[in-house]
Amino acid sequence: MIRKLLFFAVFLLGFATNMSAQSASSMKWSEICSGKMPANWYGSEEAQQIADKVLKYQKKSGGWMKNIEFHKADDTGGANEHSCLDNGATTMEMRFLAKVYQKTLVEKYKESFQKALNMLFTAEKGCGGWSQYWPLSGNGSYQDYITFNDDLMTNVMKILRDIANNKGDFANITDDTNRAKCQTSYDKAVEVIIKCQVDDNGTPAAWCAQHDTITFLPMEGRPHELPSISGYESASLLSYLMTIEQPSEALQNTIHTAIAWLDAHKYKEDAAVEDFTNASGEADRRIVEKAGSAVWGRFIQLGGETGQQNYDVFFKKLKNRGKSRSYTQDGKTYTYTEYELATKSYNPEKAYQPIFAIYDDKLQHLYYRYMYHYEDTPDSVDWKGCTVPTSLNALRRTKYQFMGSWPLKVIKNEYPKWKQRMENQQGTEGFTPQEVKHGLSDNARLYCLQGVQVTSPRKGIYIQNGKKYVVQ
């Protein structure tokens, strides 16, 4: 009987080990880094083998390159200079190494983690925030801007906050000095987020995917990512900002006003984006009716005077760099400058509508060409006589998420809970009631707690210049 029980125990141990291995190989790298494997697995021989591979791939600058499934990669490594923060790169590897270190206490994993943390400190901009790569290219590329795209900023902020809190996977993985530096970097990131909130003709709006490091204006990304307000990035950013426990009055005002702007700039009410197979048998997307839902553009065109000023900056940049591309159609070659493509296709009357563009190396004559149709519309002949598309096609609609309902959950679910939490924490406590004529400036804009600008305040709490006032 004892022999049978011993055999059964050995069988279960082997089965569990094999299941762990199978689970690791079938998972995405992001899942392994986020802790989807059993806790004890991170101290296993397999986990250490993967960690050793991660160390071989660590760049000289301290981070890692994006889109590498390290648990499936070979062990040749590649320690060139540039580190990446896009698509979760570097922060994922740091989380994985922290888990392995806590289970093994092997010093080399801690040292690798610290090297990456030093890179985050070094790569941080003077104003706060990070770009896609470090070191910077220095050639005016979009990759050098302050970047919110694909949650880059929040991924870095999350790990800095976790390290500063000195708990869980990050307990004692670094010293007090570095934890203090994490908090300082985090605070600077919050400050630059507030500074980057787009000014929509006097009304605080939301955010672009990239912002200039000096003017904080919304900037372009790849040729299909035009200066705009991003429905996705703004929603994701707001969702994270509302997790901050004790937000400053300035941050609270930023959240209130950004929510109000997004709520007022839906593309379509009672609608959603649906995947389907079109009449040609292609995978495709379309906008359909759906009660209680709504759709926003990934890129919402700026409007009014400030919008035009912003686009003038963008057009000037394209003109100054003087790039042109040629395209041959029916035996005739057409040559376009980026400047003329953008300026001749841009339509200021489409303010606050979703904007689209095509990014395809085979169709470079379409780079920076504004389009305003999501679903199929007929081609047209442009000012040079070349036939060009006027809308996205099935491939473009499915390859990139140009339309979506990203802000819906934030506006309907997360924001009301956050707002109630703020009211419970603060109410009117700590604020001295003031008459409007004595407490408020006539020259500064006034907002209610929902972020809506007010011209004739009644009784209640209002925000002006980042401070709260109680009007009686």
Protein backbone atom coordinates (compact mmCIF):
# COMPACT_ATOMS: atom_id res chain seq x y z
CA MET A 1 0.00 0.00 0.00
CA ILE A 2 2.83 2.39 0.92
CA ARG A 3 4.61 1.54 -2.35
CA LYS A 4 1.43 2.34 -4.32
CA LEU A 5 0.98 5.66 -2.53
CA LEU A 6 4.63 6.57 -3.16
CA PHE A 7 4.28 5.68 -6.84
CA PHE A 8 1.11 7.77 -7.08
CA ALA A 9 2.80 10.76 -5.40
CA VAL A 10 5.76 10.57 -7.80
CA PHE A 11 3.31 10.33 -10.71
CA LEU A 12 1.41 13.43 -9.57
CA LEU A 13 4.66 15.39 -9.12
CA GLY A 14 5.81 14.47 -12.61
CA PHE A 15 2.38 15.24 -14.03
CA ALA A 16 2.28 18.65 -12.33
CA THR A 17 5.79 19.49 -13.56
CA ASN A 18 4.87 18.48 -17.10
CA MET A 19 1.65 20.49 -16.95
CA SER A 20 3.61 23.57 -15.83
CA ALA A 21 5.98 23.16 -18.76
CA GLN A 22 3.10 22.76 -21.18
CA SER A 23 1.36 25.75 -19.71
CA ALA A 24 4.45 27.94 -20.05
CA SER A 25 5.00 27.00 -23.68
CA SER A 26 1.38 27.65 -24.55
CA MET A 27 1.22 31.06 -22.87
CA LYS A 28 2.12 34.47 -24.20
CA TRP A 29 5.21 36.14 -22.79
CA SER A 30 3.06 38.93 -21.37
CA GLU A 31 1.01 36.37 -19.42
CA ILE A 32 4.08 34.76 -17.91
CA CYS A 33 5.47 38.16 -16.90
CA SER A 34 2.18 39.17 -15.29
CA GLY A 35 2.13 36.12 -13.03
CA LYS A 36 -0.22 33.71 -14.81
CA MET A 37 2.03 30.76 -13.98
CA PRO A 38 1.83 29.17 -10.49
CA ALA A 39 3.83 31.22 -7.98
CA ASN A 40 6.32 28.44 -7.25
CA TRP A 41 7.06 27.98 -10.95
CA TYR A 42 9.04 31.24 -10.94
CA GLY A 43 11.64 29.52 -8.77
CA SER A 44 11.85 26.47 -11.02
CA GLU A 45 14.78 25.45 -13.20
CA GLU A 46 12.72 26.25 -16.30
CA ALA A 47 12.00 29.78 -15.08
CA GLN A 48 15.69 30.34 -14.35
CA GLN A 49 16.65 29.09 -17.81
CA ILE A 50 14.27 31.62 -19.32
CA ALA A 51 15.61 34.34 -16.99
CA ASP A 52 19.17 33.55 -18.12
CA LYS A 53 17.98 33.98 -21.69
CA VAL A 54 16.42 37.34 -20.78
CA LEU A 55 19.77 38.46 -19.37
CA LYS A 56 21.53 37.56 -22.63
CA TYR A 57 19.09 39.75 -24.57
CA GLN A 58 19.41 42.74 -22.25
CA LYS A 59 20.66 45.80 -24.13
CA LYS A 60 23.75 47.77 -23.20
CA SER A 61 21.47 50.69 -22.32
CA GLY A 62 19.60 48.52 -19.80
CA GLY A 63 16.30 47.46 -21.37
CA TRP A 64 15.02 45.02 -23.99
CA MET A 65 13.59 45.09 -27.49
CA LYS A 66 9.85 44.65 -28.04
CA ASN A 67 7.83 41.72 -29.41
CA ILE A 68 10.16 38.93 -28.27
CA GLU A 69 8.61 35.83 -26.71
CA PHE A 70 11.58 35.08 -24.49
CA HIS A 71 10.28 31.72 -23.29
CA LYS A 72 10.32 30.56 -26.93
CA ALA A 73 13.34 32.48 -28.25
CA ASP A 74 16.77 31.00 -28.82
CA ASP A 75 19.57 31.90 -26.42
CA THR A 76 21.80 33.81 -28.84
CA GLY A 77 20.92 37.14 -27.25
CA GLY A 78 21.59 40.48 -28.88
CA ALA A 79 22.91 43.19 -26.59
CA ASN A 80 23.00 46.19 -28.94
CA GLU A 81 22.39 49.69 -27.65
CA HIS A 82 18.74 50.63 -28.04
CA SER A 83 16.16 49.68 -25.41
CA CYS A 84 12.42 49.82 -26.06
CA LEU A 85 9.42 50.67 -23.89
CA ASP A 86 6.76 50.16 -26.57
CA ASN A 87 4.31 47.25 -26.38
CA GLY A 88 5.24 46.56 -22.76
CA ALA A 89 8.92 45.95 -23.57
CA THR A 90 11.36 46.27 -20.66
CA THR A 91 8.63 46.66 -18.01
CA MET A 92 7.47 43.08 -18.71
CA GLU A 93 10.99 41.71 -18.43
CA MET A 94 11.51 43.63 -15.18
CA ARG A 95 8.37 42.07 -13.72
CA PHE A 96 9.49 38.60 -14.74
CA LEU A 97 12.97 39.02 -13.28
CA ALA A 98 11.51 40.36 -10.04
CA LYS A 99 9.36 37.24 -9.68
CA VAL A 100 12.28 34.92 -10.37
CA TYR A 101 14.55 36.81 -7.97
CA GLN A 102 12.03 36.65 -5.11
CA LYS A 103 11.83 32.88 -5.49
CA THR A 104 15.54 32.21 -6.01
CA LEU A 105 17.43 35.17 -4.48
CA VAL A 106 19.97 34.76 -7.29
CA GLU A 107 21.86 38.04 -7.38
CA LYS A 108 22.33 38.30 -11.14
CA TYR A 109 18.57 38.66 -11.64
CA LYS A 110 18.45 41.51 -9.16
CA GLU A 111 21.41 43.18 -10.85
CA SER A 112 19.74 42.91 -14.24
CA PHE A 113 16.56 44.40 -12.79
CA GLN A 114 18.53 47.32 -11.34
CA LYS A 115 20.22 47.95 -14.67
CA ALA A 116 16.81 48.23 -16.31
CA LEU A 117 15.54 50.51 -13.54
CA ASN A 118 18.54 52.79 -14.06
CA MET A 119 17.59 52.97 -17.72
CA LEU A 120 14.10 54.17 -16.79
CA PHE A 121 15.63 56.93 -14.68
CA THR A 122 18.06 57.93 -17.44
CA ALA A 123 15.48 57.78 -20.25
CA GLU A 124 12.99 59.96 -18.38
CA LYS A 125 12.57 63.37 -19.97
CA GLY A 126 13.33 66.53 -18.03
CA CYS A 127 9.64 67.42 -18.12
CA GLY A 128 8.62 63.86 -17.22
CA GLY A 129 7.54 60.96 -19.39
CA TRP A 130 9.29 58.58 -21.77
CA SER A 131 9.68 57.86 -25.47
CA GLN A 132 9.55 54.58 -27.34
CA TYR A 133 13.31 54.01 -27.40
CA TRP A 134 16.42 54.86 -25.45
CA PRO A 135 18.80 56.32 -26.45
CA LEU A 136 16.73 58.74 -28.53
CA SER A 137 17.19 58.86 -32.28
CA GLY A 138 17.70 62.63 -32.21
CA ASN A 139 16.49 62.96 -35.80
CA GLY A 140 13.06 64.44 -35.13
CA SER A 141 11.32 61.06 -35.29
CA TYR A 142 7.95 60.50 -33.63
CA GLN A 143 9.74 57.88 -31.55
CA ASP A 144 11.33 60.70 -29.53
CA TYR A 145 8.05 62.31 -28.42
CA ILE A 146 6.37 61.91 -25.04
CA THR A 147 4.49 58.69 -25.75
CA PHE A 148 1.11 57.50 -24.47
CA ASN A 149 0.64 55.15 -27.42
CA ASP A 150 -0.19 51.54 -26.54
CA ASP A 151 -0.05 52.30 -22.79
CA LEU A 152 3.69 53.03 -22.78
CA MET A 153 3.42 55.76 -20.13
CA THR A 154 1.10 53.85 -17.82
CA ASN A 155 3.17 50.65 -18.07
CA VAL A 156 6.21 52.55 -16.81
CA MET A 157 4.21 54.38 -14.15
CA LYS A 158 2.72 51.14 -12.84
CA ILE A 159 6.08 49.49 -12.28
CA LEU A 160 7.55 52.64 -10.71
CA ARG A 161 4.64 52.78 -8.28
CA ASP A 162 5.00 49.09 -7.45
CA ILE A 163 8.73 49.47 -6.78
CA ALA A 164 8.17 52.57 -4.65
CA ASN A 165 5.58 50.67 -2.56
CA ASN A 166 8.22 48.00 -1.76
CA LYS A 167 5.72 45.14 -1.67
CA GLY A 168 5.19 41.74 -3.28
CA ASP A 169 7.56 40.97 -6.15
CA PHE A 170 9.36 44.27 -5.56
CA ALA A 171 9.98 43.98 -1.82
CA ASN A 172 13.60 44.92 -1.11
CA ILE A 173 14.63 44.44 -4.72
CA THR A 174 16.23 47.87 -4.57
CA ASP A 175 17.20 50.36 -1.87
CA ASP A 176 15.46 53.35 -0.30
CA THR A 177 17.27 55.82 -2.56
CA ASN A 178 16.00 54.13 -5.70
CA ARG A 179 12.50 53.79 -4.28
CA ALA A 180 12.48 57.55 -3.66
CA LYS A 181 13.66 58.13 -7.23
CA CYS A 182 10.80 55.94 -8.46
CA GLN A 183 8.31 58.11 -6.62
CA THR A 184 9.88 61.30 -8.00
CA SER A 185 9.74 59.97 -11.57
CA TYR A 186 6.17 58.89 -11.03
CA ASP A 187 5.13 62.32 -9.78
CA LYS A 188 6.81 64.00 -12.76
CA ALA A 189 4.91 61.68 -15.09
CA VAL A 190 1.61 62.76 -13.54
CA GLU A 191 2.59 66.40 -13.96
CA VAL A 192 3.41 66.01 -17.65
CA ILE A 193 0.14 64.16 -18.26
CA ILE A 194 -1.68 67.21 -16.93
CA LYS A 195 0.43 69.51 -19.13
CA CYS A 196 -0.28 67.42 -22.23
CA GLN A 197 -4.06 67.64 -21.92
CA VAL A 198 -5.07 69.20 -25.26
CA ASP A 199 -6.48 72.72 -25.23
CA ASP A 200 -9.55 72.62 -27.45
CA ASN A 201 -10.11 76.34 -27.95
CA GLY A 202 -10.20 77.03 -24.21
CA THR A 203 -11.81 73.75 -23.19
CA PRO A 204 -9.54 71.04 -21.71
CA ALA A 205 -9.93 67.97 -23.93
CA ALA A 206 -8.07 64.65 -23.79
CA TRP A 207 -4.76 63.37 -25.23
CA CYS A 208 -3.02 62.42 -28.43
CA ALA A 209 -0.89 59.27 -28.67
CA GLN A 210 2.28 61.40 -28.80
CA HIS A 211 3.10 64.91 -27.55
CA ASP A 212 5.92 67.35 -28.14
CA THR A 213 8.40 67.54 -25.26
CA ILE A 214 8.54 71.36 -25.27
CA THR A 215 5.15 72.66 -26.42
CA PHE A 216 3.22 69.55 -25.25
CA LEU A 217 1.15 69.80 -28.45
CA PRO A 218 -0.35 66.62 -29.98
CA MET A 219 1.99 65.23 -32.64
CA GLU A 220 2.04 62.67 -35.44
CA GLY A 221 3.13 59.07 -35.14
CA ARG A 222 3.47 56.74 -38.11
CA PRO A 223 1.98 58.01 -41.42
CA HIS A 224 -1.51 56.80 -40.50
CA GLU A 225 -1.35 58.27 -36.98
CA LEU A 226 -2.10 61.95 -37.54
CA PRO A 227 -2.10 64.67 -34.86
CA SER A 228 -5.45 64.28 -33.12
CA ILE A 229 -7.15 63.30 -29.90
CA SER A 230 -6.98 59.57 -29.36
CA GLY A 231 -10.09 57.76 -28.18
CA TYR A 232 -8.12 54.70 -27.15
CA GLU A 233 -5.09 56.27 -25.47
CA SER A 234 -7.23 58.84 -23.64
CA ALA A 235 -9.58 56.19 -22.26
CA SER A 236 -6.72 53.98 -21.13
CA LEU A 237 -4.91 56.89 -19.54
CA LEU A 238 -8.02 58.02 -17.66
CA SER A 239 -8.68 54.49 -16.42
CA TYR A 240 -5.23 54.44 -14.86
CA LEU A 241 -5.31 57.98 -13.48
CA MET A 242 -8.46 57.12 -11.55
CA THR A 243 -6.52 54.45 -9.62
CA ILE A 244 -4.30 57.08 -7.99
CA GLU A 245 -5.27 57.14 -4.33
CA GLN A 246 -4.84 60.81 -3.43
CA PRO A 247 -4.99 62.79 -6.68
CA SER A 248 -4.15 66.48 -6.56
CA GLU A 249 -6.83 69.03 -7.33
CA ALA A 250 -5.17 69.67 -10.69
CA LEU A 251 -5.32 65.97 -11.56
CA GLN A 252 -8.93 65.73 -10.47
CA ASN A 253 -9.79 68.64 -12.73
CA THR A 254 -7.91 66.97 -15.58
CA ILE A 255 -9.94 63.79 -15.13
CA HIS A 256 -13.29 65.60 -14.87
CA THR A 257 -12.68 67.71 -17.97
CA ALA A 258 -11.26 64.89 -20.11
CA ILE A 259 -14.24 62.67 -19.30
CA ALA A 260 -16.64 65.48 -20.21
CA TRP A 261 -14.85 66.11 -23.52
CA LEU A 262 -14.85 62.45 -24.56
CA ASP A 263 -18.49 62.06 -23.57
CA ALA A 264 -19.38 65.01 -25.80
CA HIS A 265 -17.36 63.81 -28.81
CA LYS A 266 -18.67 60.34 -29.60
CA TYR A 267 -18.74 59.47 -33.27
CA LYS A 268 -22.02 57.59 -32.94
CA GLU A 269 -24.45 56.78 -30.11
CA ASP A 270 -26.04 53.35 -29.68
CA ALA A 271 -23.42 51.75 -31.91
CA ALA A 272 -20.51 49.33 -31.77
CA VAL A 273 -17.79 47.93 -34.04
CA GLU A 274 -18.48 44.40 -35.27
CA ASP A 275 -16.18 41.84 -36.90
CA PHE A 276 -17.80 40.08 -39.87
CA THR A 277 -17.08 38.37 -43.20
CA ASN A 278 -17.94 40.65 -46.11
CA ALA A 279 -19.46 39.73 -49.47
CA SER A 280 -16.00 39.08 -50.91
CA GLY A 281 -15.27 36.52 -48.18
CA GLU A 282 -12.79 38.81 -46.41
CA ALA A 283 -12.51 39.39 -42.69
CA ASP A 284 -13.86 42.88 -42.13
CA ARG A 285 -15.24 45.34 -39.59
CA ARG A 286 -18.30 47.56 -39.63
CA ILE A 287 -20.28 49.83 -37.34
CA VAL A 288 -23.63 48.38 -36.26
CA GLU A 289 -26.45 49.50 -34.01
CA LYS A 290 -26.14 48.50 -30.36
CA ALA A 291 -28.29 50.04 -27.66
CA GLY A 292 -26.38 51.62 -24.79
CA SER A 293 -23.04 51.51 -26.58
CA ALA A 294 -21.14 54.18 -28.50
CA VAL A 295 -18.22 54.47 -30.92
CA TRP A 296 -15.26 56.85 -30.91
CA GLY A 297 -12.47 57.40 -33.40
CA ARG A 298 -8.96 56.25 -32.55
CA PHE A 299 -7.90 59.57 -34.11
CA ILE A 300 -10.33 62.45 -33.67
CA GLN A 301 -9.52 65.50 -35.79
CA LEU A 302 -8.74 68.68 -33.90
CA GLY A 303 -10.97 71.68 -34.54
CA GLY A 304 -11.30 75.42 -34.28
CA GLU A 305 -8.48 77.93 -34.02
CA THR A 306 -6.26 75.84 -31.77
CA GLY A 307 -6.79 72.83 -34.01
CA GLN A 308 -5.74 74.80 -37.08
CA GLN A 309 -2.69 76.14 -35.25
CA ASN A 310 -1.72 72.59 -34.35
CA TYR A 311 -2.07 71.37 -37.92
CA ASP A 312 -0.09 74.34 -39.20
CA VAL A 313 2.79 73.18 -36.98
CA PHE A 314 2.46 69.68 -38.40
CA PHE A 315 2.28 70.87 -42.01
CA LYS A 316 5.32 73.10 -41.49
CA LYS A 317 7.29 70.13 -40.17
CA LEU A 318 6.42 68.10 -43.26
CA LYS A 319 7.34 71.00 -45.53
CA ASN A 320 10.69 71.60 -43.83
CA ARG A 321 11.83 68.00 -44.06
CA GLY A 322 10.98 68.00 -47.78
CA LYS A 323 10.34 64.29 -48.31
CA SER A 324 8.65 63.12 -51.50
CA ARG A 325 7.53 59.73 -52.82
CA SER A 326 6.60 58.48 -56.27
CA TYR A 327 3.96 56.02 -57.46
CA THR A 328 3.43 54.55 -60.92
CA GLN A 329 -0.11 53.89 -62.13
CA ASP A 330 -1.00 52.78 -65.67
CA GLY A 331 2.50 53.62 -66.87
CA LYS A 332 2.51 57.15 -65.48
CA THR A 333 4.58 58.17 -62.46
CA TYR A 334 3.17 60.58 -59.88
CA THR A 335 5.42 62.29 -57.35
CA TYR A 336 4.05 63.73 -54.12
CA THR A 337 5.60 65.66 -51.26
CA GLU A 338 4.39 64.83 -47.77
CA TYR A 339 3.44 68.49 -47.39
CA GLU A 340 1.10 68.59 -50.38
CA LEU A 341 -0.42 65.20 -49.51
CA ALA A 342 -1.38 66.44 -46.04
CA THR A 343 -2.44 70.00 -46.86
CA LYS A 344 -4.55 69.13 -49.94
CA SER A 345 -6.39 66.25 -48.25
CA TYR A 346 -6.97 67.95 -44.88
CA ASN A 347 -10.52 69.29 -44.48
CA PRO A 348 -11.05 71.67 -41.52
CA GLU A 349 -14.82 71.24 -41.89
CA LYS A 350 -14.39 67.66 -40.63
CA ALA A 351 -13.36 68.87 -37.16
CA TYR A 352 -14.02 66.36 -34.37
CA GLN A 353 -14.67 63.57 -36.87
CA PRO A 354 -12.55 60.39 -37.01
CA ILE A 355 -9.63 60.69 -39.44
CA PHE A 356 -7.94 57.83 -41.25
CA ALA A 357 -4.81 57.26 -43.32
CA ILE A 358 -3.04 54.31 -44.89
CA TYR A 359 0.40 53.01 -43.91
CA ASP A 360 1.70 50.56 -46.50
CA ASP A 361 5.19 50.53 -48.04
CA LYS A 362 3.63 49.63 -51.39
CA LEU A 363 1.35 52.68 -51.24
CA GLN A 364 3.68 55.40 -50.00
CA HIS A 365 1.87 58.01 -52.10
CA LEU A 366 -0.91 57.70 -49.51
CA TYR A 367 1.29 58.59 -46.52
CA TYR A 368 -0.18 61.51 -44.51
CA ARG A 369 -3.21 61.70 -46.82
CA TYR A 370 -6.27 62.50 -44.70
CA MET A 371 -9.34 60.32 -45.28
CA TYR A 372 -12.74 60.66 -43.63
CA HIS A 373 -14.57 57.44 -44.52
CA TYR A 374 -14.36 54.24 -42.48
CA GLU A 375 -16.59 52.02 -44.60
CA ASP A 376 -16.16 51.54 -48.34
CA THR A 377 -16.62 54.54 -50.63
CA PRO A 378 -15.70 54.85 -54.33
CA ASP A 379 -12.17 55.81 -55.36
CA SER A 380 -11.60 59.30 -56.71
CA VAL A 381 -9.08 61.07 -58.95
CA ASP A 382 -6.78 63.44 -57.07
CA TRP A 383 -5.37 66.81 -58.16
CA LYS A 384 -2.57 65.11 -60.13
CA GLY A 385 -4.88 62.74 -61.98
CA CYS A 386 -4.02 59.64 -59.95
CA THR A 387 -6.84 57.35 -58.81
CA VAL A 388 -6.75 57.06 -55.02
CA PRO A 389 -8.91 55.49 -52.30
CA THR A 390 -11.24 57.68 -50.28
CA SER A 391 -11.83 55.17 -47.47
CA LEU A 392 -10.22 52.34 -45.61
CA ASN A 393 -10.64 48.84 -47.02
CA ALA A 394 -11.27 45.53 -45.26
CA LEU A 395 -7.57 44.85 -44.73
CA ARG A 396 -6.96 48.27 -43.13
CA ARG A 397 -10.07 48.07 -40.96
CA THR A 398 -9.04 44.71 -39.52
CA LYS A 399 -5.29 45.34 -39.35
CA TYR A 400 -5.64 48.42 -37.16
CA GLN A 401 -8.32 49.39 -34.63
CA PHE A 402 -9.38 52.75 -36.08
CA MET A 403 -12.79 52.78 -34.37
CA GLY A 404 -13.91 51.43 -31.02
CA SER A 405 -15.89 51.81 -27.80
CA TRP A 406 -12.84 52.29 -25.56
CA PRO A 407 -14.11 55.25 -23.47
CA LEU A 408 -17.51 53.64 -22.79
CA LYS A 409 -16.55 51.62 -19.71
CA VAL A 410 -14.49 54.50 -18.34
CA ILE A 411 -17.34 57.01 -18.69
CA LYS A 412 -20.24 54.76 -17.62
CA ASN A 413 -18.66 52.61 -14.92
CA GLU A 414 -15.27 53.75 -13.70
CA TYR A 415 -15.81 57.49 -13.63
CA PRO A 416 -19.03 57.50 -11.50
CA LYS A 417 -17.32 55.28 -8.92
CA TRP A 418 -14.22 57.45 -8.90
CA LYS A 419 -16.28 60.61 -8.63
CA GLN A 420 -18.16 59.21 -5.65
CA ARG A 421 -14.89 58.20 -4.02
CA MET A 422 -13.55 61.74 -4.45
CA GLU A 423 -16.72 63.22 -2.97
CA ASN A 424 -16.55 60.83 -0.02
CA GLN A 425 -12.89 61.69 0.60
CA GLN A 426 -13.17 65.43 0.23
CA GLY A 427 -16.64 66.88 0.07
CA THR A 428 -16.32 70.49 1.11
CA GLU A 429 -13.98 69.72 3.98
CA GLY A 430 -10.89 71.87 4.06
CA PHE A 431 -12.23 74.56 1.76
CA THR A 432 -13.31 77.98 2.93
CA PRO A 433 -16.62 79.17 1.41
CA GLN A 434 -16.08 82.31 -0.63
CA GLU A 435 -18.42 84.65 -2.44
CA VAL A 436 -17.94 84.56 -6.21
CA LYS A 437 -16.98 88.23 -6.43
CA HIS A 438 -14.29 87.80 -3.76
CA GLY A 439 -13.00 84.24 -4.29
CA LEU A 440 -13.07 83.78 -8.04
CA SER A 441 -11.19 85.58 -10.76
CA ASP A 442 -13.19 87.11 -13.57
CA ASN A 443 -10.40 86.31 -16.04
CA ALA A 444 -9.97 82.58 -15.39
CA ARG A 445 -12.26 79.82 -16.61
CA LEU A 446 -14.52 78.12 -14.07
CA TYR A 447 -15.49 74.45 -14.10
CA CYS A 448 -17.95 72.31 -12.18
CA LEU A 449 -16.75 69.00 -10.71
CA GLN A 450 -17.90 67.22 -13.89
CA GLY A 451 -15.38 69.22 -15.89
CA VAL A 452 -17.92 71.37 -17.73
CA GLN A 453 -17.10 75.07 -18.08
CA VAL A 454 -19.52 77.32 -16.19
CA THR A 455 -20.20 80.99 -16.84
CA SER A 456 -22.88 81.68 -14.20
CA PRO A 457 -22.19 79.56 -11.10
CA ARG A 458 -24.91 78.81 -8.59
CA LYS A 459 -24.49 77.20 -5.19
CA GLY A 460 -21.97 74.37 -5.24
CA ILE A 461 -18.30 73.44 -5.59
CA TYR A 462 -16.29 74.72 -8.55
CA ILE A 463 -12.71 74.50 -9.78
CA GLN A 464 -10.67 77.45 -10.98
CA ASN A 465 -6.93 77.45 -11.62
CA GLY A 466 -6.68 74.01 -10.00
CA LYS A 467 -8.32 75.15 -6.74
CA LYS A 468 -11.76 74.38 -5.34
CA TYR A 469 -14.20 77.06 -4.31
CA VAL A 470 -17.56 76.75 -2.61
CA VAL A 471 -20.15 79.17 -3.95
CA GLN A 472 -22.93 79.91 -1.46
